[in-house]
Amino acid sequence: MSDWKKRLSVVYSTNPDFEYETEEEQEPETLPAKEQKLKVSLDKKGRKGKQVSLITGFVGTSDDLKKLEKLLKTKCGVGGSSKNSEIIIQGNFVDKIKKILSDLGYYAK
């Protein structure tokens, strides 16, 4: 990322020694599978009528979210994506995803 993007909301300073400090967001630790309470639902809002299976409620690092996303996409044989603690799987695979997650030890509702 460019240096100017980090300072986008900073007011101009005439001090030549001024150092802009950014607050680093810390990712939460990944909870064990038994403690995760995931919600699996069918969604088509804002997707031009296309159905997607939406998994929400994941608590953990983005790397662990990506691993779970990849596993679900592989088991369902479709595409998808993940961000902001949500996994989107293309198509209506709600029942299959619930079974996969419960086999892995997750609480899926």
C-alpha atoms as a PDB file:
ATOM      1  CA  MET A   1       0.000   0.000   0.000  1.00  0.00           C
ATOM      2  CA  SER A   2       1.288   3.453  -0.837  1.00  0.00           C
ATOM      3  CA  ASP A   3       2.398   5.753   1.959  1.00  0.00           C
ATOM      4  CA  TRP A   4      -0.102   8.483   1.055  1.00  0.00           C
ATOM      5  CA  LYS A   5      -3.053   6.091   1.501  1.00  0.00           C
ATOM      6  CA  LYS A   6      -2.077   5.552   5.138  1.00  0.00           C
ATOM      7  CA  ARG A   7      -2.161   9.302   5.732  1.00  0.00           C
ATOM      8  CA  LEU A   8      -5.372  10.046   3.862  1.00  0.00           C
ATOM      9  CA  SER A   9      -7.318  11.342   6.872  1.00  0.00           C
ATOM     10  CA  VAL A  10      -4.425  13.236   8.498  1.00  0.00           C
ATOM     11  CA  VAL A  11      -4.523  16.984   8.836  1.00  0.00           C
ATOM     12  CA  TYR A  12      -1.477  18.745   7.418  1.00  0.00           C
ATOM     13  CA  SER A  13       1.421  19.266   9.829  1.00  0.00           C
ATOM     14  CA  THR A  14       4.282  21.739   9.441  1.00  0.00           C
ATOM     15  CA  ASN A  15       6.465  19.782  11.860  1.00  0.00           C
ATOM     16  CA  PRO A  16       9.209  18.116   9.775  1.00  0.00           C
ATOM     17  CA  ASP A  17       9.670  15.412  12.444  1.00  0.00           C
ATOM     18  CA  PHE A  18       6.002  14.430  12.501  1.00  0.00           C
ATOM     19  CA  GLU A  19       5.496  10.674  12.249  1.00  0.00           C
ATOM     20  CA  TYR A  20       2.020   9.400  11.492  1.00  0.00           C
ATOM     21  CA  GLU A  21       1.159   6.339  13.575  1.00  0.00           C
ATOM     22  CA  THR A  22      -1.424   3.861  12.398  1.00  0.00           C
ATOM     23  CA  GLU A  23      -3.349   1.529  14.642  1.00  0.00           C
ATOM     24  CA  GLU A  24      -2.974  -2.042  13.499  1.00  0.00           C
ATOM     25  CA  GLU A  25      -6.174  -4.050  13.678  1.00  0.00           C
ATOM     26  CA  GLN A  26      -5.665  -7.327  15.448  1.00  0.00           C
ATOM     27  CA  GLU A  27      -7.475 -10.360  14.174  1.00  0.00           C
ATOM     28  CA  PRO A  28      -9.295 -12.392  16.801  1.00  0.00           C
ATOM     29  CA  GLU A  29      -7.925 -15.817  17.654  1.00  0.00           C
ATOM     30  CA  THR A  30      -9.740 -18.679  16.000  1.00  0.00           C
ATOM     31  CA  LEU A  31     -12.131 -20.396  18.359  1.00  0.00           C
ATOM     32  CA  PRO A  32     -12.150 -24.210  18.416  1.00  0.00           C
ATOM     33  CA  ALA A  33     -14.754 -25.829  16.164  1.00  0.00           C
ATOM     34  CA  LYS A  34     -16.952 -26.828  19.124  1.00  0.00           C
ATOM     35  CA  GLU A  35     -17.245 -23.188  20.246  1.00  0.00           C
ATOM     36  CA  GLN A  36     -18.067 -21.764  16.806  1.00  0.00           C
ATOM     37  CA  LYS A  37     -21.753 -20.981  16.259  1.00  0.00           C
ATOM     38  CA  LEU A  38     -22.196 -20.726  12.519  1.00  0.00           C
ATOM     39  CA  LYS A  39     -25.421 -19.805  10.780  1.00  0.00           C
ATOM     40  CA  VAL A  40     -26.026 -21.296   7.327  1.00  0.00           C
ATOM     41  CA  SER A  41     -28.691 -19.642   5.196  1.00  0.00           C
ATOM     42  CA  LEU A  42     -29.839 -19.256   1.610  1.00  0.00           C
ATOM     43  CA  ASP A  43     -29.531 -15.729   0.261  1.00  0.00           C
ATOM     44  CA  LYS A  44     -30.220 -13.983  -3.027  1.00  0.00           C
ATOM     45  CA  LYS A  45     -30.500 -10.322  -2.033  1.00  0.00           C
ATOM     46  CA  GLY A  46     -28.310  -8.044  -4.128  1.00  0.00           C
ATOM     47  CA  ARG A  47     -27.108 -10.927  -6.272  1.00  0.00           C
ATOM     48  CA  LYS A  48     -29.373 -10.429  -9.289  1.00  0.00           C
ATOM     49  CA  GLY A  49     -31.591 -13.362  -8.302  1.00  0.00           C
ATOM     50  CA  LYS A  50     -28.746 -15.869  -8.021  1.00  0.00           C
ATOM     51  CA  GLN A  51     -28.880 -18.125  -4.966  1.00  0.00           C
ATOM     52  CA  VAL A  52     -25.901 -18.445  -2.636  1.00  0.00           C
ATOM     53  CA  SER A  53     -25.373 -20.353   0.590  1.00  0.00           C
ATOM     54  CA  LEU A  54     -24.204 -17.887   3.223  1.00  0.00           C
ATOM     55  CA  ILE A  55     -22.244 -18.986   6.309  1.00  0.00           C
ATOM     56  CA  THR A  56     -21.969 -16.279   8.981  1.00  0.00           C
ATOM     57  CA  GLY A  57     -20.682 -16.051  12.533  1.00  0.00           C
ATOM     58  CA  PHE A  58     -17.126 -17.343  12.065  1.00  0.00           C
ATOM     59  CA  VAL A  59     -14.762 -16.065  14.761  1.00  0.00           C
ATOM     60  CA  GLY A  60     -11.096 -16.310  13.842  1.00  0.00           C
ATOM     61  CA  THR A  61      -8.268 -15.264  11.586  1.00  0.00           C
ATOM     62  CA  SER A  62      -8.726 -14.622   7.888  1.00  0.00           C
ATOM     63  CA  ASP A  63      -6.357 -17.521   7.092  1.00  0.00           C
ATOM     64  CA  ASP A  64      -8.565 -19.993   8.957  1.00  0.00           C
ATOM     65  CA  LEU A  65     -11.631 -18.503   7.263  1.00  0.00           C
ATOM     66  CA  LYS A  66      -9.984 -19.054   3.854  1.00  0.00           C
ATOM     67  CA  LYS A  67      -9.137 -22.664   4.761  1.00  0.00           C
ATOM     68  CA  LEU A  68     -12.734 -23.391   5.725  1.00  0.00           C
ATOM     69  CA  GLU A  69     -13.978 -21.641   2.573  1.00  0.00           C
ATOM     70  CA  LYS A  70     -11.677 -23.711   0.371  1.00  0.00           C
ATOM     71  CA  LEU A  71     -12.781 -26.941   2.042  1.00  0.00           C
ATOM     72  CA  LEU A  72     -16.479 -26.121   1.553  1.00  0.00           C
ATOM     73  CA  LYS A  73     -15.966 -25.072  -2.084  1.00  0.00           C
ATOM     74  CA  THR A  74     -14.096 -28.324  -2.773  1.00  0.00           C
ATOM     75  CA  LYS A  75     -16.724 -30.529  -1.091  1.00  0.00           C
ATOM     76  CA  CYS A  76     -19.577 -28.770  -2.926  1.00  0.00           C
ATOM     77  CA  GLY A  77     -17.714 -28.520  -6.248  1.00  0.00           C
ATOM     78  CA  VAL A  78     -18.596 -24.858  -6.783  1.00  0.00           C
ATOM     79  CA  GLY A  79     -17.078 -21.393  -6.437  1.00  0.00           C
ATOM     80  CA  GLY A  80     -17.379 -18.892  -3.667  1.00  0.00           C
ATOM     81  CA  SER A  81     -15.586 -16.312  -1.575  1.00  0.00           C
ATOM     82  CA  SER A  82     -15.034 -15.177   1.988  1.00  0.00           C
ATOM     83  CA  LYS A  83     -14.577 -11.884   3.817  1.00  0.00           C
ATOM     84  CA  ASN A  84     -15.705 -10.166   7.015  1.00  0.00           C
ATOM     85  CA  SER A  85     -16.363 -13.472   8.831  1.00  0.00           C
ATOM     86  CA  GLU A  86     -18.717 -14.627   6.056  1.00  0.00           C
ATOM     87  CA  ILE A  87     -18.353 -17.415   3.534  1.00  0.00           C
ATOM     88  CA  ILE A  88     -20.359 -17.303   0.307  1.00  0.00           C
ATOM     89  CA  ILE A  89     -20.838 -20.556  -1.620  1.00  0.00           C
ATOM     90  CA  GLN A  90     -22.508 -20.325  -5.030  1.00  0.00           C
ATOM     91  CA  GLY A  91     -25.772 -22.263  -5.264  1.00  0.00           C
ATOM     92  CA  ASN A  92     -28.199 -23.856  -2.825  1.00  0.00           C
ATOM     93  CA  PHE A  93     -26.041 -26.186  -0.703  1.00  0.00           C
ATOM     94  CA  VAL A  94     -27.462 -25.340   2.741  1.00  0.00           C
ATOM     95  CA  ASP A  95     -28.170 -28.934   3.819  1.00  0.00           C
ATOM     96  CA  LYS A  96     -24.875 -30.265   2.469  1.00  0.00           C
ATOM     97  CA  ILE A  97     -22.891 -27.475   4.171  1.00  0.00           C
ATOM     98  CA  LYS A  98     -24.657 -28.080   7.493  1.00  0.00           C
ATOM     99  CA  LYS A  99     -23.719 -31.765   7.301  1.00  0.00           C
ATOM    100  CA  ILE A 100     -20.086 -31.003   6.387  1.00  0.00           C
ATOM    101  CA  LEU A 101     -19.745 -28.478   9.212  1.00  0.00           C
ATOM    102  CA  SER A 102     -21.320 -30.788  11.794  1.00  0.00           C
ATOM    103  CA  ASP A 103     -18.973 -33.608  10.670  1.00  0.00           C
ATOM    104  CA  LEU A 104     -16.047 -31.216  11.280  1.00  0.00           C
ATOM    105  CA  GLY A 105     -17.314 -30.462  14.792  1.00  0.00           C
ATOM    106  CA  TYR A 106     -18.858 -27.036  14.164  1.00  0.00           C
ATOM    107  CA  TYR A 107     -22.258 -26.041  15.537  1.00  0.00           C
ATOM    108  CA  ALA A 108     -24.187 -25.127  12.393  1.00  0.00           C
ATOM    109  CA  LYS A 109     -27.737 -23.820  12.542  1.00  0.00           C
END
